[in-house]
Amino acid sequence: MIGAGKLERYVMGRTLASVGAALAVIAAVIILVSFVNLSREVAVRADVGVAQLFILTLLQTPSIVVLLLPFVFLFGGMGAYVGLNRRSELVAMRAAGISAWRFILPSAAAAFAIGVLTVTLLNPLAAAFSARYESDRANLMENYLTDAPKEVWLRQGDDRTQMVIHAKQRDTTQGRVRLTGVSLFVYQKNKQGIPEFKRRLEAAEAQLYPGYWKLTDVREAAAGESSVRSESLSIRSTLDAESAMERFAAPESVSFWRLPDAIRLTEQAGFSANGYRLRFQQLLATPILFAAMLILAAAFSLRLARLGGLAGLAGAGVGLGFVVFFFNEFSGALANADIIPLFAAAWAPPVVALLSGLALLCYTEDG
């Protein structure tokens, strides 16, 4: 008879293999759809080769895969347990007096560990690839992109000074930040902490260097004074190239390790960092979501095949997975609108999914 440790490793191996197969299928579909969409976008460029399109597709794929990983664990887990059920392996395990908890919880723990690796390793990698994708796509489609954002608004500051930066266009290629048609509005806080307007600068171009902005062809005017022109001028900056480019990106495009700095700099500049805080909390809850999806997959797949209704239960499990996904998105929208707390919006969907899976598993296994 197979020992308990070997049995658990066997079920875990089958589960992870099924999750890997689901990942391969979903990734292949994503690559195919992304390649077709990119082909349509660059149809105006006759000199773009298949190799360039394929590289862009591969750069875009990781961020989409990370978004769909909960479904990978749901589909993969259901595939594994339904397979064990149809081959009567689950019947043999139960006949031997082995509880489903003994082989499901180790697999859920493995899903939790994969979630930790996803947040700490795969998410930063996907964010870096996504940034490279946006840069390469912009270079490839220069003067052809009609949906590219034109005007730019930035804000930086500290406890004493606030600066609002407006530019007509931006260039973030090769890891640099270059703005054209720039207007800078400088405010200084008074004793009551209220910002008061001090001066305005107009520049043909502004390029960000470590610790400062370099302005060219500058016209400067303080409140109540005449303007002064200069060829170049340096303005101290609290931004670096990476954090400045993050201001152009959605919170989902910022890596896990950069989110604390993004939150700090955004709040220091006087902006609301709710979007970054919500994303940070959602990433922290990701391992629980992965484990919950695997437990839900098991709960909907343990019904004995000879009793019938297994396909209907599997379909219900898939439907519940989509409900959890939309619940997560809906909670995020409510949090961004300041209707519910950020912490509740981030943690409620995975915790509810986990408790639902455990309750269903208790009902299925223990009656």
Protein backbone atom coordinates (compact mmCIF):
# COMPACT_ATOMS: atom_id res chain seq x y z
CA MET A 1 0.00 0.00 0.00
CA ILE A 2 1.24 3.46 -0.86
CA GLY A 3 2.33 5.43 2.20
CA ALA A 4 0.60 8.65 3.14
CA GLY A 5 3.59 10.76 2.15
CA LYS A 6 3.90 9.07 -1.24
CA LEU A 7 0.17 9.39 -1.83
CA GLU A 8 0.22 13.11 -1.08
CA ARG A 9 3.21 13.61 -3.35
CA TYR A 10 1.48 11.65 -6.10
CA VAL A 11 -1.70 13.73 -5.93
CA MET A 12 0.33 16.94 -5.70
CA GLY A 13 2.38 15.92 -8.72
CA ARG A 14 -0.73 15.15 -10.75
CA THR A 15 -2.27 18.45 -9.69
CA LEU A 16 0.78 20.54 -10.55
CA ALA A 17 1.14 18.72 -13.88
CA SER A 18 -2.48 19.54 -14.71
CA VAL A 19 -1.94 23.16 -13.65
CA GLY A 20 1.12 23.29 -15.93
CA ALA A 21 -0.95 21.92 -18.83
CA ALA A 22 -3.66 24.53 -18.20
CA LEU A 23 -0.98 27.23 -18.11
CA ALA A 24 0.44 26.05 -21.44
CA VAL A 25 -2.99 26.08 -23.10
CA ILE A 26 -3.97 29.52 -21.75
CA ALA A 27 -0.55 30.98 -22.62
CA ALA A 28 -0.81 29.60 -26.17
CA VAL A 29 -4.24 31.19 -26.60
CA ILE A 30 -2.95 34.51 -25.25
CA ILE A 31 0.04 34.45 -27.60
CA LEU A 32 -2.18 33.69 -30.59
CA VAL A 33 -4.72 36.42 -29.79
CA SER A 34 -2.00 38.99 -28.98
CA PHE A 35 -0.12 38.20 -32.20
CA VAL A 36 -3.28 38.68 -34.28
CA ASN A 37 -4.10 41.98 -32.54
CA LEU A 38 -0.57 43.30 -33.01
CA SER A 39 -0.64 42.25 -36.67
CA ARG A 40 -3.73 44.38 -37.17
CA GLU A 41 -2.18 47.35 -35.35
CA VAL A 42 1.00 47.40 -37.42
CA ALA A 43 -0.72 46.75 -40.74
CA VAL A 44 0.24 50.31 -41.73
CA ARG A 45 3.93 49.37 -41.47
CA ALA A 46 4.95 47.17 -44.38
CA ASP A 47 8.55 46.87 -43.11
CA VAL A 48 7.63 45.11 -39.84
CA GLY A 49 8.62 41.45 -39.87
CA VAL A 50 7.08 38.43 -38.20
CA ALA A 51 10.03 38.16 -35.82
CA GLN A 52 9.45 41.69 -34.47
CA LEU A 53 5.76 40.98 -33.95
CA PHE A 54 6.53 37.72 -32.17
CA ILE A 55 9.01 39.42 -29.83
CA LEU A 56 6.42 42.09 -28.98
CA THR A 57 3.87 39.36 -28.34
CA LEU A 58 6.22 37.56 -25.96
CA LEU A 59 6.87 40.82 -24.09
CA GLN A 60 3.14 41.42 -23.67
CA THR A 61 2.20 37.85 -22.68
CA PRO A 62 3.58 37.60 -19.09
CA SER A 63 1.43 40.44 -17.73
CA ILE A 64 -1.72 38.83 -19.17
CA VAL A 65 -0.72 35.39 -17.89
CA VAL A 66 -0.25 36.79 -14.36
CA LEU A 67 -3.76 38.26 -14.52
CA LEU A 68 -5.27 34.90 -15.54
CA LEU A 69 -3.27 32.67 -13.17
CA PRO A 70 -6.25 32.16 -10.78
CA PHE A 71 -8.11 30.52 -13.67
CA VAL A 72 -5.04 28.39 -14.40
CA PHE A 73 -5.23 26.94 -10.88
CA LEU A 74 -9.01 26.51 -11.12
CA PHE A 75 -8.97 24.72 -14.50
CA GLY A 76 -5.80 22.77 -13.72
CA GLY A 77 -7.09 21.63 -10.33
CA MET A 78 -10.43 20.55 -11.77
CA GLY A 79 -8.69 18.66 -14.55
CA ALA A 80 -6.50 16.80 -12.07
CA TYR A 81 -9.24 15.82 -9.62
CA VAL A 82 -11.80 14.95 -12.29
CA GLY A 83 -9.15 12.70 -13.88
CA LEU A 84 -8.46 10.98 -10.55
CA ASN A 85 -12.19 10.58 -10.07
CA ARG A 86 -12.89 9.06 -13.46
CA ARG A 87 -10.05 6.55 -13.04
CA SER A 88 -11.56 5.52 -9.67
CA GLU A 89 -8.38 6.53 -7.85
CA LEU A 90 -10.38 8.71 -5.48
CA VAL A 91 -12.69 5.75 -4.79
CA ALA A 92 -9.68 3.62 -3.86
CA MET A 93 -8.31 6.34 -1.58
CA ARG A 94 -11.61 6.72 0.24
CA ALA A 95 -12.03 2.95 0.51
CA ALA A 96 -8.62 2.88 2.20
CA GLY A 97 -9.90 5.37 4.76
CA ILE A 98 -7.83 8.31 3.51
CA SER A 99 -9.51 11.69 3.96
CA ALA A 100 -9.52 14.13 1.06
CA TRP A 101 -8.03 16.74 3.38
CA ARG A 102 -4.76 14.80 3.47
CA PHE A 103 -4.04 15.18 -0.24
CA ILE A 104 -5.87 18.45 -1.01
CA LEU A 105 -4.26 20.67 1.63
CA PRO A 106 -0.65 19.90 0.51
CA SER A 107 -1.65 20.83 -3.05
CA ALA A 108 -3.25 24.03 -1.75
CA ALA A 109 -0.04 24.79 0.17
CA ALA A 110 1.92 24.30 -3.07
CA ALA A 111 -0.45 26.76 -4.80
CA PHE A 112 0.16 29.24 -1.96
CA ALA A 113 3.93 28.88 -2.41
CA ILE A 114 3.59 29.41 -6.16
CA GLY A 115 1.56 32.53 -5.38
CA VAL A 116 4.41 33.89 -3.27
CA LEU A 117 6.85 33.25 -6.12
CA THR A 118 4.44 34.88 -8.57
CA VAL A 119 4.24 38.06 -6.51
CA THR A 120 7.94 38.33 -5.68
CA LEU A 121 9.50 37.10 -8.94
CA LEU A 122 7.04 36.78 -11.83
CA ASN A 123 5.21 40.06 -11.20
CA PRO A 124 8.39 42.23 -11.35
CA LEU A 125 9.49 40.33 -14.47
CA ALA A 126 6.09 40.83 -16.11
CA ALA A 127 6.18 44.55 -15.21
CA ALA A 128 9.63 44.92 -16.77
CA PHE A 129 8.51 43.09 -19.93
CA SER A 130 5.37 45.24 -20.09
CA ALA A 131 7.42 48.44 -19.89
CA ARG A 132 9.74 47.13 -22.61
CA TYR A 133 6.70 46.22 -24.71
CA GLU A 134 5.24 49.74 -24.46
CA SER A 135 8.60 51.30 -25.34
CA ASP A 136 9.26 48.98 -28.31
CA ARG A 137 5.71 49.35 -29.57
CA ALA A 138 5.96 53.15 -29.39
CA ASN A 139 9.26 53.09 -31.31
CA LEU A 140 7.88 50.71 -33.90
CA MET A 141 4.69 52.68 -34.40
CA GLU A 142 6.15 56.18 -34.13
CA ASN A 143 3.94 58.67 -35.99
CA TYR A 144 1.38 55.90 -36.58
CA LEU A 145 -0.20 55.46 -33.15
CA THR A 146 -3.44 57.41 -33.00
CA ASP A 147 -4.30 56.31 -29.46
CA ALA A 148 -1.01 57.36 -27.85
CA PRO A 149 -1.46 59.92 -25.06
CA LYS A 150 -0.29 63.38 -26.05
CA GLU A 151 -0.41 65.69 -23.05
CA VAL A 152 1.32 64.78 -19.79
CA TRP A 153 0.73 65.91 -16.23
CA LEU A 154 3.24 65.21 -13.47
CA ARG A 155 3.55 66.36 -9.90
CA GLN A 156 6.49 66.26 -7.52
CA GLY A 157 7.32 67.87 -4.24
CA ASP A 158 8.33 67.61 -0.61
CA ASP A 159 7.20 69.09 2.69
CA ARG A 160 7.93 72.67 1.55
CA THR A 161 7.54 72.85 -2.24
CA GLN A 162 5.11 71.42 -4.77
CA MET A 163 5.61 71.47 -8.53
CA VAL A 164 3.04 70.71 -11.23
CA ILE A 165 4.52 69.81 -14.63
CA HIS A 166 2.53 69.92 -17.85
CA ALA A 167 3.95 68.84 -21.21
CA LYS A 168 2.47 68.55 -24.66
CA GLN A 169 4.41 65.38 -25.50
CA ARG A 170 6.68 62.85 -23.82
CA ASP A 171 9.44 60.49 -24.90
CA THR A 172 10.31 57.57 -22.59
CA THR A 173 12.40 55.50 -24.97
CA GLN A 174 15.65 53.86 -23.84
CA GLY A 175 14.78 54.39 -20.16
CA ARG A 176 14.92 58.19 -20.35
CA VAL A 177 12.20 60.79 -19.74
CA ARG A 178 12.09 63.70 -22.15
CA LEU A 179 9.23 66.21 -22.29
CA THR A 180 8.51 68.88 -24.91
CA GLY A 181 6.35 71.98 -24.68
CA VAL A 182 6.77 72.12 -20.91
CA SER A 183 5.06 74.33 -18.33
CA LEU A 184 6.13 74.15 -14.66
CA PHE A 185 4.06 75.70 -11.87
CA VAL A 186 5.95 76.03 -8.58
CA TYR A 187 4.10 76.34 -5.28
CA GLN A 188 5.49 76.85 -1.78
CA LYS A 189 3.65 76.00 1.42
CA ASN A 190 3.02 78.77 3.90
CA LYS A 191 3.01 78.42 7.69
CA GLN A 192 -0.49 76.97 7.59
CA GLY A 193 0.61 74.33 5.08
CA ILE A 194 -1.38 75.86 2.21
CA PRO A 195 0.45 75.92 -1.17
CA GLU A 196 0.96 79.42 -2.57
CA PHE A 197 1.93 80.08 -6.19
CA LYS A 198 5.53 81.35 -6.53
CA ARG A 199 6.65 81.14 -10.16
CA ARG A 200 5.99 79.65 -13.56
CA LEU A 201 8.50 78.32 -16.05
CA GLU A 202 7.99 77.65 -19.76
CA ALA A 203 10.53 75.47 -21.57
CA ALA A 204 10.82 74.01 -25.03
CA GLU A 205 12.23 70.78 -23.59
CA ALA A 206 12.81 69.14 -20.21
CA GLN A 207 14.93 66.05 -19.68
CA LEU A 208 15.09 64.17 -16.39
CA TYR A 209 18.50 63.38 -14.94
CA PRO A 210 19.26 61.84 -11.52
CA GLY A 211 18.13 64.46 -9.01
CA TYR A 212 17.13 67.26 -11.40
CA TRP A 213 15.28 68.37 -14.53
CA LYS A 214 17.34 70.05 -17.23
CA LEU A 215 15.27 72.68 -19.05
CA THR A 216 16.23 74.27 -22.37
CA ASP A 217 14.98 77.52 -23.93
CA VAL A 218 13.40 78.65 -20.66
CA ARG A 219 11.21 81.63 -19.82
CA GLU A 220 10.66 82.18 -16.09
CA ALA A 221 8.22 84.50 -14.37
CA ALA A 222 7.61 84.94 -10.64
CA ALA A 223 4.35 86.24 -9.21
CA GLY A 224 4.07 89.97 -9.94
CA GLU A 225 7.39 90.17 -11.82
CA SER A 226 8.42 90.29 -15.49
CA SER A 227 9.66 87.17 -17.26
CA VAL A 228 13.33 86.24 -17.62
CA ARG A 229 14.75 84.12 -20.46
CA SER A 230 17.66 81.66 -20.28
CA GLU A 231 19.08 78.99 -22.54
CA SER A 232 19.09 76.28 -19.88
CA LEU A 233 18.08 75.83 -16.29
CA SER A 234 18.26 73.00 -13.76
CA ILE A 235 15.41 72.29 -11.33
CA ARG A 236 15.76 69.88 -8.43
CA SER A 237 13.58 66.77 -8.80
CA THR A 238 12.43 64.08 -6.39
CA LEU A 239 11.68 61.75 -9.32
CA ASP A 240 13.91 59.29 -11.08
CA ALA A 241 13.33 57.91 -14.56
CA GLU A 242 11.60 54.78 -13.33
CA SER A 243 9.25 56.51 -10.92
CA ALA A 244 8.43 59.19 -13.49
CA MET A 245 7.51 56.57 -16.07
CA GLU A 246 5.37 54.84 -13.44
CA ARG A 247 3.27 58.02 -13.29
CA PHE A 248 2.36 57.35 -16.93
CA ALA A 249 1.41 53.73 -16.19
CA ALA A 250 -1.50 52.09 -14.43
CA PRO A 251 -0.88 50.62 -10.96
CA GLU A 252 -1.06 47.13 -12.53
CA SER A 253 2.07 47.96 -14.54
CA VAL A 254 4.19 48.76 -11.47
CA SER A 255 6.18 45.87 -10.01
CA PHE A 256 5.55 44.60 -6.48
CA TRP A 257 8.92 45.83 -5.18
CA ARG A 258 8.40 49.33 -6.64
CA LEU A 259 4.91 49.85 -5.21
CA PRO A 260 6.01 51.12 -1.74
CA ASP A 261 8.19 53.80 -3.38
CA ALA A 262 5.39 54.66 -5.81
CA ILE A 263 3.00 55.09 -2.88
CA ARG A 264 5.46 57.27 -0.98
CA LEU A 265 6.36 59.50 -3.93
CA THR A 266 2.75 59.87 -5.04
CA GLU A 267 1.61 60.96 -1.58
CA GLN A 268 4.66 63.19 -1.21
CA ALA A 269 3.63 64.97 -4.40
CA GLY A 270 0.13 65.55 -3.03
CA PHE A 271 -1.69 62.91 -5.10
CA SER A 272 -3.93 60.11 -3.85
CA ALA A 273 -2.10 56.77 -3.84
CA ASN A 274 -5.24 54.66 -3.41
CA GLY A 275 -4.69 52.86 -6.71
CA TYR A 276 -1.16 51.82 -5.74
CA ARG A 277 -2.23 50.86 -2.21
CA LEU A 278 -5.05 48.70 -3.55
CA ARG A 279 -2.72 46.98 -6.00
CA PHE A 280 -0.18 46.32 -3.24
CA GLN A 281 -2.82 44.73 -1.00
CA GLN A 282 -4.17 42.65 -3.91
CA LEU A 283 -0.70 41.30 -4.61
CA LEU A 284 -0.25 40.40 -0.94
CA ALA A 285 -3.54 38.46 -1.10
CA THR A 286 -2.61 36.63 -4.31
CA PRO A 287 -1.22 33.46 -2.64
CA ILE A 288 -4.49 33.02 -0.72
CA LEU A 289 -6.43 33.45 -3.97
CA PHE A 290 -4.40 30.73 -5.70
CA ALA A 291 -4.92 28.31 -2.80
CA ALA A 292 -8.63 29.16 -2.71
CA MET A 293 -9.03 28.43 -6.42
CA LEU A 294 -7.38 25.02 -6.02
CA ILE A 295 -9.59 24.14 -3.05
CA LEU A 296 -12.68 25.23 -5.00
CA ALA A 297 -11.56 23.02 -7.89
CA ALA A 298 -11.27 20.04 -5.55
CA ALA A 299 -14.60 20.74 -3.86
CA PHE A 300 -16.42 20.65 -7.20
CA SER A 301 -14.61 17.53 -8.44
CA LEU A 302 -14.81 15.03 -5.57
CA ARG A 303 -18.32 13.74 -6.27
CA LEU A 304 -18.07 10.08 -7.26
CA ALA A 305 -18.38 9.61 -11.01
CA ARG A 306 -20.78 6.67 -10.62
CA LEU A 307 -23.27 8.96 -8.84
CA GLY A 308 -23.50 11.21 -11.91
CA GLY A 309 -23.67 14.99 -12.10
CA LEU A 310 -19.89 15.42 -12.11
CA ALA A 311 -19.92 17.46 -15.34
CA GLY A 312 -22.58 19.77 -13.93
CA LEU A 313 -20.58 20.31 -10.76
CA ALA A 314 -17.45 21.04 -12.78
CA GLY A 315 -19.38 23.61 -14.82
CA ALA A 316 -20.67 25.19 -11.61
CA GLY A 317 -17.09 25.38 -10.34
CA VAL A 318 -16.00 27.21 -13.48
CA GLY A 319 -18.93 29.59 -13.10
CA LEU A 320 -18.04 30.25 -9.48
CA GLY A 321 -14.46 31.00 -10.55
CA PHE A 322 -15.72 33.72 -12.89
CA VAL A 323 -17.92 35.06 -10.08
CA VAL A 324 -14.83 35.35 -7.83
CA PHE A 325 -12.91 37.13 -10.63
CA PHE A 326 -15.68 39.69 -11.23
CA PHE A 327 -16.19 40.08 -7.47
CA ASN A 328 -12.50 40.98 -7.21
CA GLU A 329 -12.79 43.53 -10.02
CA PHE A 330 -16.01 44.98 -8.60
CA SER A 331 -14.48 45.33 -5.13
CA GLY A 332 -11.50 47.15 -6.67
CA ALA A 333 -13.84 49.57 -8.45
CA LEU A 334 -15.69 50.29 -5.20
CA ALA A 335 -12.40 50.89 -3.38
CA ASN A 336 -11.17 53.27 -6.08
CA ALA A 337 -14.40 55.20 -5.65
CA ASP A 338 -13.79 55.38 -1.86
CA ILE A 339 -16.98 53.42 -1.17
CA ILE A 340 -15.33 50.55 0.73
CA PRO A 341 -11.92 50.37 2.47
CA LEU A 342 -8.94 49.32 0.38
CA PHE A 343 -8.04 46.49 2.74
CA ALA A 344 -11.52 44.98 2.49
CA ALA A 345 -11.58 45.30 -1.30
CA ALA A 346 -8.26 43.50 -1.67
CA TRP A 347 -8.72 40.72 0.88
CA ALA A 348 -12.46 40.02 0.80
CA PRO A 349 -12.59 38.17 -2.58
CA PRO A 350 -9.76 35.67 -1.87
CA VAL A 351 -10.90 35.10 1.73
CA VAL A 352 -14.54 34.57 0.66
CA ALA A 353 -13.37 32.19 -2.07
CA LEU A 354 -11.21 30.28 0.43
CA LEU A 355 -13.99 29.99 3.00
CA SER A 356 -16.45 28.93 0.29
CA GLY A 357 -14.09 26.22 -0.90
CA LEU A 358 -13.46 24.95 2.62
CA ALA A 359 -17.21 24.90 3.38
CA LEU A 360 -17.99 22.99 0.20
CA LEU A 361 -15.14 20.58 0.90
CA CYS A 362 -16.42 19.99 4.43
CA TYR A 363 -19.91 19.28 3.07
CA THR A 364 -18.61 16.96 0.35
CA GLU A 365 -16.12 15.07 2.49
CA ASP A 366 -17.67 15.07 5.96
CA GLY A 367 -21.35 15.38 5.05
